[in-house]
């Protein structure tokens, strides 16, 4: 937990509640989009094991309801291509492009290790219909950039859907298609999510310069935005945060880490 995050609170119960809300919200949105089937929901939510070891950026309305979510996951230094979600994408299974994708990801992992940055992935994007296509959607994507910078920097991969223009927004702010041996990885149809997808990479130190000021503002905002942990923090941090009132957490944006 970065020491700069002064809005942090140790509250396993509220952490569980917001993560549960995010998973149910994500499940509802994905189901409405036709990206998943009802049989893929567990207790009404789209629940993945990776959720419990990731950061989650949440858009929370004044009533405390989750209206948007995104996930950011860092991996250990020894992570390989086969540990990442991109290795299970439909493009990875392609006889034409599978090896090219592996080569591109392996090269980027090697670069991250050389620069002493963690391997990372972004995913779990979902927005309420009223937010899609608004400045809030752009702000949310830029805040993920800000989070990676506040955590020390990384170059996360993301399997981004073209549905609702999501991939287009992510490319606009600096997401780049992977390349290997001068070949750019193409968009592809993803069978499990039944939509066109692109595998993009976000280099935290090289976003689109047009949005530098937004990201800087996002980094400053993150230092005071409500942050929740389930208790996996140092004793001195826990002691300082237990006394913060729960009503402080009902803001527009929150992180659950």
C-alpha atoms as a PDB file:
ATOM      1  CA  UNK A   1       0.000   0.000   0.000  1.00  0.00           C
ATOM      2  CA  UNK A   2       1.713   3.234  -1.092  1.00  0.00           C
ATOM      3  CA  UNK A   3       2.259   5.567   1.858  1.00  0.00           C
ATOM      4  CA  UNK A   4       0.940   8.477  -0.240  1.00  0.00           C
ATOM      5  CA  UNK A   5      -2.585   6.986  -0.206  1.00  0.00           C
ATOM      6  CA  UNK A   6      -3.878   8.955   2.770  1.00  0.00           C
ATOM      7  CA  UNK A   7      -7.514   8.032   2.084  1.00  0.00           C
ATOM      8  CA  UNK A   8      -6.918   4.399   2.976  1.00  0.00           C
ATOM      9  CA  UNK A   9      -9.052   2.304   5.337  1.00  0.00           C
ATOM     10  CA  UNK A  10      -8.806  -1.264   6.574  1.00  0.00           C
ATOM     11  CA  UNK A  11     -12.357  -2.615   6.437  1.00  0.00           C
ATOM     12  CA  UNK A  12     -12.689  -6.254   5.325  1.00  0.00           C
ATOM     13  CA  UNK A  13     -16.504  -6.126   5.495  1.00  0.00           C
ATOM     14  CA  UNK A  14     -16.905  -3.080   3.249  1.00  0.00           C
ATOM     15  CA  UNK A  15     -14.108  -4.354   1.000  1.00  0.00           C
ATOM     16  CA  UNK A  16     -16.048  -7.605   0.545  1.00  0.00           C
ATOM     17  CA  UNK A  17     -19.313  -5.749  -0.068  1.00  0.00           C
ATOM     18  CA  UNK A  18     -17.876  -3.473  -2.777  1.00  0.00           C
ATOM     19  CA  UNK A  19     -16.043  -6.320  -4.504  1.00  0.00           C
ATOM     20  CA  UNK A  20     -19.266  -8.356  -4.450  1.00  0.00           C
ATOM     21  CA  UNK A  21     -21.143  -5.380  -5.912  1.00  0.00           C
ATOM     22  CA  UNK A  22     -18.501  -4.970  -8.622  1.00  0.00           C
ATOM     23  CA  UNK A  23     -18.689  -8.647  -9.587  1.00  0.00           C
ATOM     24  CA  UNK A  24     -22.498  -8.564  -9.751  1.00  0.00           C
ATOM     25  CA  UNK A  25     -22.446  -5.295 -11.703  1.00  0.00           C
ATOM     26  CA  UNK A  26     -19.878  -6.718 -14.131  1.00  0.00           C
ATOM     27  CA  UNK A  27     -21.946  -9.869 -14.512  1.00  0.00           C
ATOM     28  CA  UNK A  28     -25.109  -7.896 -15.294  1.00  0.00           C
ATOM     29  CA  UNK A  29     -23.378  -5.701 -17.879  1.00  0.00           C
ATOM     30  CA  UNK A  30     -21.625  -8.628 -19.566  1.00  0.00           C
ATOM     31  CA  UNK A  31     -24.857 -10.636 -19.613  1.00  0.00           C
ATOM     32  CA  UNK A  32     -26.797  -7.760 -21.195  1.00  0.00           C
ATOM     33  CA  UNK A  33     -24.053  -7.391 -23.821  1.00  0.00           C
ATOM     34  CA  UNK A  34     -24.200 -11.094 -24.663  1.00  0.00           C
ATOM     35  CA  UNK A  35     -20.570 -11.480 -23.591  1.00  0.00           C
ATOM     36  CA  UNK A  36     -21.360 -14.280 -21.131  1.00  0.00           C
ATOM     37  CA  UNK A  37     -24.130 -16.801 -20.532  1.00  0.00           C
ATOM     38  CA  UNK A  38     -26.283 -17.025 -17.383  1.00  0.00           C
ATOM     39  CA  UNK A  39     -24.533 -20.307 -16.528  1.00  0.00           C
ATOM     40  CA  UNK A  40     -21.241 -18.401 -16.150  1.00  0.00           C
ATOM     41  CA  UNK A  41     -22.562 -16.349 -13.250  1.00  0.00           C
ATOM     42  CA  UNK A  42     -21.899 -17.473  -9.681  1.00  0.00           C
ATOM     43  CA  UNK A  43     -24.417 -16.151  -7.144  1.00  0.00           C
ATOM     44  CA  UNK A  44     -25.354 -13.498  -9.700  1.00  0.00           C
ATOM     45  CA  UNK A  45     -21.808 -12.277 -10.246  1.00  0.00           C
ATOM     46  CA  UNK A  46     -18.984 -12.619 -12.777  1.00  0.00           C
ATOM     47  CA  UNK A  47     -16.428 -13.924 -10.281  1.00  0.00           C
ATOM     48  CA  UNK A  48     -12.807 -14.736 -11.098  1.00  0.00           C
ATOM     49  CA  UNK A  49     -10.026 -15.915  -8.805  1.00  0.00           C
ATOM     50  CA  UNK A  50      -7.824 -13.068 -10.053  1.00  0.00           C
ATOM     51  CA  UNK A  51     -10.239 -10.561  -8.494  1.00  0.00           C
ATOM     52  CA  UNK A  52      -8.936 -11.352  -5.021  1.00  0.00           C
ATOM     53  CA  UNK A  53      -5.339 -10.432  -5.803  1.00  0.00           C
ATOM     54  CA  UNK A  54      -5.981  -7.298  -7.859  1.00  0.00           C
ATOM     55  CA  UNK A  55      -6.656  -3.616  -7.490  1.00  0.00           C
ATOM     56  CA  UNK A  56     -10.158  -2.524  -8.511  1.00  0.00           C
ATOM     57  CA  UNK A  57     -11.066   0.970  -9.623  1.00  0.00           C
ATOM     58  CA  UNK A  58     -14.736   1.547  -8.834  1.00  0.00           C
ATOM     59  CA  UNK A  59     -17.118   4.324  -9.833  1.00  0.00           C
ATOM     60  CA  UNK A  60     -19.514   4.620  -6.890  1.00  0.00           C
ATOM     61  CA  UNK A  61     -22.630   6.803  -6.900  1.00  0.00           C
ATOM     62  CA  UNK A  62     -23.752   8.925  -3.895  1.00  0.00           C
ATOM     63  CA  UNK A  63     -25.852   5.991  -2.635  1.00  0.00           C
ATOM     64  CA  UNK A  64     -22.802   3.722  -2.527  1.00  0.00           C
ATOM     65  CA  UNK A  65     -23.765   1.685  -5.617  1.00  0.00           C
ATOM     66  CA  UNK A  66     -21.083   0.540  -8.051  1.00  0.00           C
ATOM     67  CA  UNK A  67     -21.658   2.060 -11.501  1.00  0.00           C
ATOM     68  CA  UNK A  68     -18.342   1.178 -13.125  1.00  0.00           C
ATOM     69  CA  UNK A  69     -15.324  -1.029 -12.518  1.00  0.00           C
ATOM     70  CA  UNK A  70     -11.886  -1.934 -13.851  1.00  0.00           C
ATOM     71  CA  UNK A  71      -9.234  -4.335 -12.563  1.00  0.00           C
ATOM     72  CA  UNK A  72      -5.442  -3.989 -12.403  1.00  0.00           C
ATOM     73  CA  UNK A  73      -3.247  -6.976 -11.538  1.00  0.00           C
ATOM     74  CA  UNK A  74       0.502  -7.068 -10.917  1.00  0.00           C
ATOM     75  CA  UNK A  75       2.407 -10.359 -11.127  1.00  0.00           C
ATOM     76  CA  UNK A  76       5.672 -11.599  -9.554  1.00  0.00           C
ATOM     77  CA  UNK A  77       8.977 -11.043 -11.344  1.00  0.00           C
ATOM     78  CA  UNK A  78       9.194 -14.680 -12.473  1.00  0.00           C
ATOM     79  CA  UNK A  79       5.857 -14.505 -14.339  1.00  0.00           C
ATOM     80  CA  UNK A  80       5.821 -16.085 -17.800  1.00  0.00           C
ATOM     81  CA  UNK A  81       3.534 -15.757 -20.805  1.00  0.00           C
ATOM     82  CA  UNK A  82       1.559 -18.817 -19.668  1.00  0.00           C
ATOM     83  CA  UNK A  83       0.671 -17.124 -16.352  1.00  0.00           C
ATOM     84  CA  UNK A  84      -1.084 -14.224 -18.082  1.00  0.00           C
ATOM     85  CA  UNK A  85      -4.686 -13.965 -19.240  1.00  0.00           C
ATOM     86  CA  UNK A  86      -3.569 -13.067 -22.784  1.00  0.00           C
ATOM     87  CA  UNK A  87      -2.236 -16.618 -23.148  1.00  0.00           C
ATOM     88  CA  UNK A  88      -5.825 -17.894 -22.888  1.00  0.00           C
ATOM     89  CA  UNK A  89      -7.286 -15.494 -25.444  1.00  0.00           C
ATOM     90  CA  UNK A  90      -8.711 -16.705 -28.736  1.00  0.00           C
ATOM     91  CA  UNK A  91      -5.782 -15.042 -30.539  1.00  0.00           C
ATOM     92  CA  UNK A  92      -3.359 -17.159 -28.509  1.00  0.00           C
ATOM     93  CA  UNK A  93      -5.089 -20.283 -29.872  1.00  0.00           C
ATOM     94  CA  UNK A  94      -4.772 -19.127 -33.485  1.00  0.00           C
ATOM     95  CA  UNK A  95      -2.487 -21.294 -35.626  1.00  0.00           C
ATOM     96  CA  UNK A  96      -1.549 -18.180 -37.609  1.00  0.00           C
ATOM     97  CA  UNK A  97      -0.969 -15.686 -34.796  1.00  0.00           C
ATOM     98  CA  UNK A  98      -0.492 -17.683 -31.575  1.00  0.00           C
ATOM     99  CA  UNK A  99       3.303 -17.885 -31.732  1.00  0.00           C
ATOM    100  CA  UNK A 100       3.593 -14.246 -32.794  1.00  0.00           C
ATOM    101  CA  UNK A 101       1.544 -13.205 -29.778  1.00  0.00           C
ATOM    102  CA  UNK A 102       3.741 -15.292 -27.471  1.00  0.00           C
ATOM    103  CA  UNK A 103       6.885 -13.789 -28.977  1.00  0.00           C
ATOM    104  CA  UNK A 104       5.546 -10.246 -28.527  1.00  0.00           C
ATOM    105  CA  UNK A 105       4.520 -10.823 -24.915  1.00  0.00           C
ATOM    106  CA  UNK A 106       7.800 -12.596 -24.076  1.00  0.00           C
ATOM    107  CA  UNK A 107       9.735  -9.627 -25.472  1.00  0.00           C
ATOM    108  CA  UNK A 108       7.711  -7.151 -23.405  1.00  0.00           C
ATOM    109  CA  UNK A 109       8.100  -9.257 -20.259  1.00  0.00           C
ATOM    110  CA  UNK A 110      11.865  -9.288 -20.811  1.00  0.00           C
ATOM    111  CA  UNK A 111      11.865  -5.510 -21.172  1.00  0.00           C
ATOM    112  CA  UNK A 112       9.861  -5.103 -17.969  1.00  0.00           C
ATOM    113  CA  UNK A 113      12.297  -7.334 -16.078  1.00  0.00           C
ATOM    114  CA  UNK A 114      15.230  -5.344 -17.456  1.00  0.00           C
ATOM    115  CA  UNK A 115      13.622  -2.101 -16.246  1.00  0.00           C
ATOM    116  CA  UNK A 116      12.669  -3.731 -12.926  1.00  0.00           C
ATOM    117  CA  UNK A 117       8.932  -3.285 -13.531  1.00  0.00           C
ATOM    118  CA  UNK A 118       6.331  -5.934 -12.690  1.00  0.00           C
ATOM    119  CA  UNK A 119       4.337  -7.843 -15.289  1.00  0.00           C
ATOM    120  CA  UNK A 120       0.758  -6.583 -15.214  1.00  0.00           C
ATOM    121  CA  UNK A 121      -2.672  -6.844 -16.850  1.00  0.00           C
ATOM    122  CA  UNK A 122      -5.793  -4.677 -16.940  1.00  0.00           C
ATOM    123  CA  UNK A 123      -9.284  -6.059 -17.410  1.00  0.00           C
ATOM    124  CA  UNK A 124     -12.731  -6.447 -15.915  1.00  0.00           C
ATOM    125  CA  UNK A 125     -13.928  -3.214 -17.554  1.00  0.00           C
ATOM    126  CA  UNK A 126     -17.640  -2.464 -17.200  1.00  0.00           C
ATOM    127  CA  UNK A 127     -19.569   0.810 -17.181  1.00  0.00           C
ATOM    128  CA  UNK A 128     -23.188   1.693 -16.548  1.00  0.00           C
ATOM    129  CA  UNK A 129     -24.991   2.620 -19.762  1.00  0.00           C
ATOM    130  CA  UNK A 130     -25.377   6.235 -18.584  1.00  0.00           C
ATOM    131  CA  UNK A 131     -21.590   6.601 -18.231  1.00  0.00           C
ATOM    132  CA  UNK A 132     -20.491   5.043 -21.517  1.00  0.00           C
ATOM    133  CA  UNK A 133     -19.223   7.588 -24.006  1.00  0.00           C
ATOM    134  CA  UNK A 134     -18.934  10.331 -21.371  1.00  0.00           C
ATOM    135  CA  UNK A 135     -15.940  12.077 -19.841  1.00  0.00           C
ATOM    136  CA  UNK A 136     -16.291   9.729 -16.851  1.00  0.00           C
ATOM    137  CA  UNK A 137     -15.424   6.733 -19.049  1.00  0.00           C
ATOM    138  CA  UNK A 138     -12.297   8.513 -20.284  1.00  0.00           C
ATOM    139  CA  UNK A 139     -11.415   9.620 -16.767  1.00  0.00           C
ATOM    140  CA  UNK A 140     -11.687   6.062 -15.513  1.00  0.00           C
ATOM    141  CA  UNK A 141      -9.285   4.757 -18.173  1.00  0.00           C
ATOM    142  CA  UNK A 142      -6.816   7.572 -17.451  1.00  0.00           C
ATOM    143  CA  UNK A 143      -7.021   6.868 -13.719  1.00  0.00           C
ATOM    144  CA  UNK A 144      -5.790   3.325 -14.389  1.00  0.00           C
ATOM    145  CA  UNK A 145      -2.737   4.956 -16.003  1.00  0.00           C
ATOM    146  CA  UNK A 146      -2.398   7.127 -12.905  1.00  0.00           C
ATOM    147  CA  UNK A 147      -2.627   4.085 -10.623  1.00  0.00           C
ATOM    148  CA  UNK A 148       0.157   2.235 -12.461  1.00  0.00           C
ATOM    149  CA  UNK A 149       2.356   5.309 -12.076  1.00  0.00           C
ATOM    150  CA  UNK A 150       1.565   5.689  -8.361  1.00  0.00           C
ATOM    151  CA  UNK A 151       2.413   2.018  -7.802  1.00  0.00           C
ATOM    152  CA  UNK A 152       5.828   2.529  -9.374  1.00  0.00           C
ATOM    153  CA  UNK A 153       5.187   2.025 -13.082  1.00  0.00           C
ATOM    154  CA  UNK A 154       4.422  -0.921 -15.352  1.00  0.00           C
ATOM    155  CA  UNK A 155       3.405  -1.790 -18.915  1.00  0.00           C
ATOM    156  CA  UNK A 156       0.192  -3.813 -18.488  1.00  0.00           C
ATOM    157  CA  UNK A 157      -1.512  -5.834 -21.212  1.00  0.00           C
ATOM    158  CA  UNK A 158      -5.248  -5.736 -21.777  1.00  0.00           C
ATOM    159  CA  UNK A 159      -7.681  -7.749 -23.905  1.00  0.00           C
ATOM    160  CA  UNK A 160      -9.902  -4.798 -24.852  1.00  0.00           C
ATOM    161  CA  UNK A 161     -13.321  -5.185 -26.433  1.00  0.00           C
ATOM    162  CA  UNK A 162     -14.390  -3.087 -29.406  1.00  0.00           C
ATOM    163  CA  UNK A 163     -17.911  -3.149 -27.988  1.00  0.00           C
ATOM    164  CA  UNK A 164     -19.134   0.328 -26.959  1.00  0.00           C
ATOM    165  CA  UNK A 165     -15.920   1.803 -28.411  1.00  0.00           C
ATOM    166  CA  UNK A 166     -13.834   0.646 -25.434  1.00  0.00           C
ATOM    167  CA  UNK A 167     -10.745  -0.335 -27.444  1.00  0.00           C
ATOM    168  CA  UNK A 168     -10.963   2.939 -29.370  1.00  0.00           C
ATOM    169  CA  UNK A 169     -10.924   4.957 -26.137  1.00  0.00           C
ATOM    170  CA  UNK A 170      -7.985   2.970 -24.796  1.00  0.00           C
ATOM    171  CA  UNK A 171      -5.990   3.440 -28.011  1.00  0.00           C
ATOM    172  CA  UNK A 172      -6.715   7.174 -27.916  1.00  0.00           C
ATOM    173  CA  UNK A 173      -5.122   7.586 -24.494  1.00  0.00           C
ATOM    174  CA  UNK A 174      -2.011   5.612 -25.398  1.00  0.00           C
ATOM    175  CA  UNK A 175      -2.839   1.901 -25.647  1.00  0.00           C
ATOM    176  CA  UNK A 176      -0.738   0.323 -28.384  1.00  0.00           C
ATOM    177  CA  UNK A 177      -1.254  -2.920 -30.338  1.00  0.00           C
ATOM    178  CA  UNK A 178       1.503  -5.458 -29.753  1.00  0.00           C
ATOM    179  CA  UNK A 179       4.158  -5.947 -32.427  1.00  0.00           C
ATOM    180  CA  UNK A 180       6.713  -8.668 -33.007  1.00  0.00           C
ATOM    181  CA  UNK A 181       9.298  -8.843 -35.774  1.00  0.00           C
ATOM    182  CA  UNK A 182       7.606  -5.819 -37.399  1.00  0.00           C
ATOM    183  CA  UNK A 183       4.254  -7.594 -37.434  1.00  0.00           C
ATOM    184  CA  UNK A 184       1.365  -5.913 -35.637  1.00  0.00           C
ATOM    185  CA  UNK A 185      -1.024  -8.271 -33.878  1.00  0.00           C
ATOM    186  CA  UNK A 186      -4.511  -7.970 -35.416  1.00  0.00           C
ATOM    187  CA  UNK A 187      -7.906  -7.569 -33.813  1.00  0.00           C
ATOM    188  CA  UNK A 188      -9.682 -10.902 -33.383  1.00  0.00           C
ATOM    189  CA  UNK A 189     -13.050 -12.407 -32.577  1.00  0.00           C
ATOM    190  CA  UNK A 190     -13.127 -13.763 -29.033  1.00  0.00           C
ATOM    191  CA  UNK A 191     -15.374 -16.808 -28.755  1.00  0.00           C
ATOM    192  CA  UNK A 192     -15.918 -16.786 -24.963  1.00  0.00           C
ATOM    193  CA  UNK A 193     -16.997 -13.121 -24.920  1.00  0.00           C
ATOM    194  CA  UNK A 194     -18.565 -13.156 -28.407  1.00  0.00           C
ATOM    195  CA  UNK A 195     -17.088  -9.857 -29.576  1.00  0.00           C
ATOM    196  CA  UNK A 196     -14.208  -8.264 -31.475  1.00  0.00           C
ATOM    197  CA  UNK A 197     -11.168  -7.739 -29.255  1.00  0.00           C
ATOM    198  CA  UNK A 198      -7.731  -6.157 -29.424  1.00  0.00           C
ATOM    199  CA  UNK A 199      -4.715  -6.918 -27.237  1.00  0.00           C
ATOM    200  CA  UNK A 200      -3.279  -3.562 -26.198  1.00  0.00           C
ATOM    201  CA  UNK A 201      -0.385  -2.536 -23.990  1.00  0.00           C
ATOM    202  CA  UNK A 202      -0.248   0.548 -21.790  1.00  0.00           C
ATOM    203  CA  UNK A 203       3.193   1.910 -20.960  1.00  0.00           C
ATOM    204  CA  UNK A 204       2.749   3.955 -17.793  1.00  0.00           C
ATOM    205  CA  UNK A 205       5.619   6.307 -18.588  1.00  0.00           C
ATOM    206  CA  UNK A 206       4.500   6.976 -22.180  1.00  0.00           C
ATOM    207  CA  UNK A 207       0.778   7.832 -22.399  1.00  0.00           C
ATOM    208  CA  UNK A 208      -0.636  10.092 -25.099  1.00  0.00           C
ATOM    209  CA  UNK A 209       0.910  13.508 -24.197  1.00  0.00           C
ATOM    210  CA  UNK A 210      -2.470  15.113 -24.818  1.00  0.00           C
ATOM    211  CA  UNK A 211      -3.691  13.590 -21.547  1.00  0.00           C
ATOM    212  CA  UNK A 212      -0.622  14.237 -19.374  1.00  0.00           C
ATOM    213  CA  UNK A 213      -2.415  16.861 -17.293  1.00  0.00           C
ATOM    214  CA  UNK A 214      -5.396  14.523 -16.732  1.00  0.00           C
ATOM    215  CA  UNK A 215      -3.092  11.764 -15.525  1.00  0.00           C
ATOM    216  CA  UNK A 216      -1.207  14.124 -13.220  1.00  0.00           C
ATOM    217  CA  UNK A 217      -4.513  15.265 -11.750  1.00  0.00           C
ATOM    218  CA  UNK A 218      -5.523  11.611 -11.404  1.00  0.00           C
ATOM    219  CA  UNK A 219      -2.341  10.836  -9.481  1.00  0.00           C
ATOM    220  CA  UNK A 220      -3.013  13.696  -7.079  1.00  0.00           C
ATOM    221  CA  UNK A 221      -6.630  12.570  -6.664  1.00  0.00           C
ATOM    222  CA  UNK A 222      -5.586   8.987  -5.920  1.00  0.00           C
ATOM    223  CA  UNK A 223      -3.614  10.143  -2.916  1.00  0.00           C
ATOM    224  CA  UNK A 224      -6.835  11.151  -1.160  1.00  0.00           C
ATOM    225  CA  UNK A 225      -9.470   8.951  -2.837  1.00  0.00           C
ATOM    226  CA  UNK A 226     -10.995   6.263  -0.564  1.00  0.00           C
ATOM    227  CA  UNK A 227      -8.871   3.089  -0.647  1.00  0.00           C
ATOM    228  CA  UNK A 228     -10.038  -0.139   0.947  1.00  0.00           C
ATOM    229  CA  UNK A 229      -8.017  -3.143   1.981  1.00  0.00           C
ATOM    230  CA  UNK A 230      -9.256  -6.467   3.330  1.00  0.00           C
ATOM    231  CA  UNK A 231      -6.630  -6.315   6.057  1.00  0.00           C
ATOM    232  CA  UNK A 232      -3.518  -7.430   4.167  1.00  0.00           C
ATOM    233  CA  UNK A 233      -1.421  -4.465   5.296  1.00  0.00           C
ATOM    234  CA  UNK A 234       1.264  -3.659   7.837  1.00  0.00           C
ATOM    235  CA  UNK A 235       0.190  -3.275  11.490  1.00  0.00           C
ATOM    236  CA  UNK A 236       1.096   0.430  11.671  1.00  0.00           C
ATOM    237  CA  UNK A 237      -1.011   1.138   8.563  1.00  0.00           C
ATOM    238  CA  UNK A 238      -3.961  -0.825   9.954  1.00  0.00           C
ATOM    239  CA  UNK A 239      -3.739   0.997  13.295  1.00  0.00           C
ATOM    240  CA  UNK A 240      -3.847   4.382  11.564  1.00  0.00           C
ATOM    241  CA  UNK A 241      -6.793   3.553   9.305  1.00  0.00           C
ATOM    242  CA  UNK A 242      -9.238   1.629  11.486  1.00  0.00           C
ATOM    243  CA  UNK A 243     -10.720   4.808  12.940  1.00  0.00           C
ATOM    244  CA  UNK A 244     -11.761   6.450   9.648  1.00  0.00           C
ATOM    245  CA  UNK A 245     -15.588   6.750   9.439  1.00  0.00           C
ATOM    246  CA  UNK A 246     -17.297   4.513   6.873  1.00  0.00           C
ATOM    247  CA  UNK A 247     -19.275   7.429   5.426  1.00  0.00           C
ATOM    248  CA  UNK A 248     -15.984   8.895   4.130  1.00  0.00           C
ATOM    249  CA  UNK A 249     -15.908   6.054   1.598  1.00  0.00           C
ATOM    250  CA  UNK A 250     -19.091   6.940  -0.259  1.00  0.00           C
ATOM    251  CA  UNK A 251     -17.489   9.091  -2.956  1.00  0.00           C
ATOM    252  CA  UNK A 252     -17.557   9.098  -6.716  1.00  0.00           C
ATOM    253  CA  UNK A 253     -14.532   6.861  -7.091  1.00  0.00           C
ATOM    254  CA  UNK A 254     -12.930   4.290  -4.848  1.00  0.00           C
ATOM    255  CA  UNK A 255     -10.202   1.703  -4.953  1.00  0.00           C
ATOM    256  CA  UNK A 256     -10.406  -1.693  -3.353  1.00  0.00           C
ATOM    257  CA  UNK A 257      -7.003  -3.317  -3.191  1.00  0.00           C
END
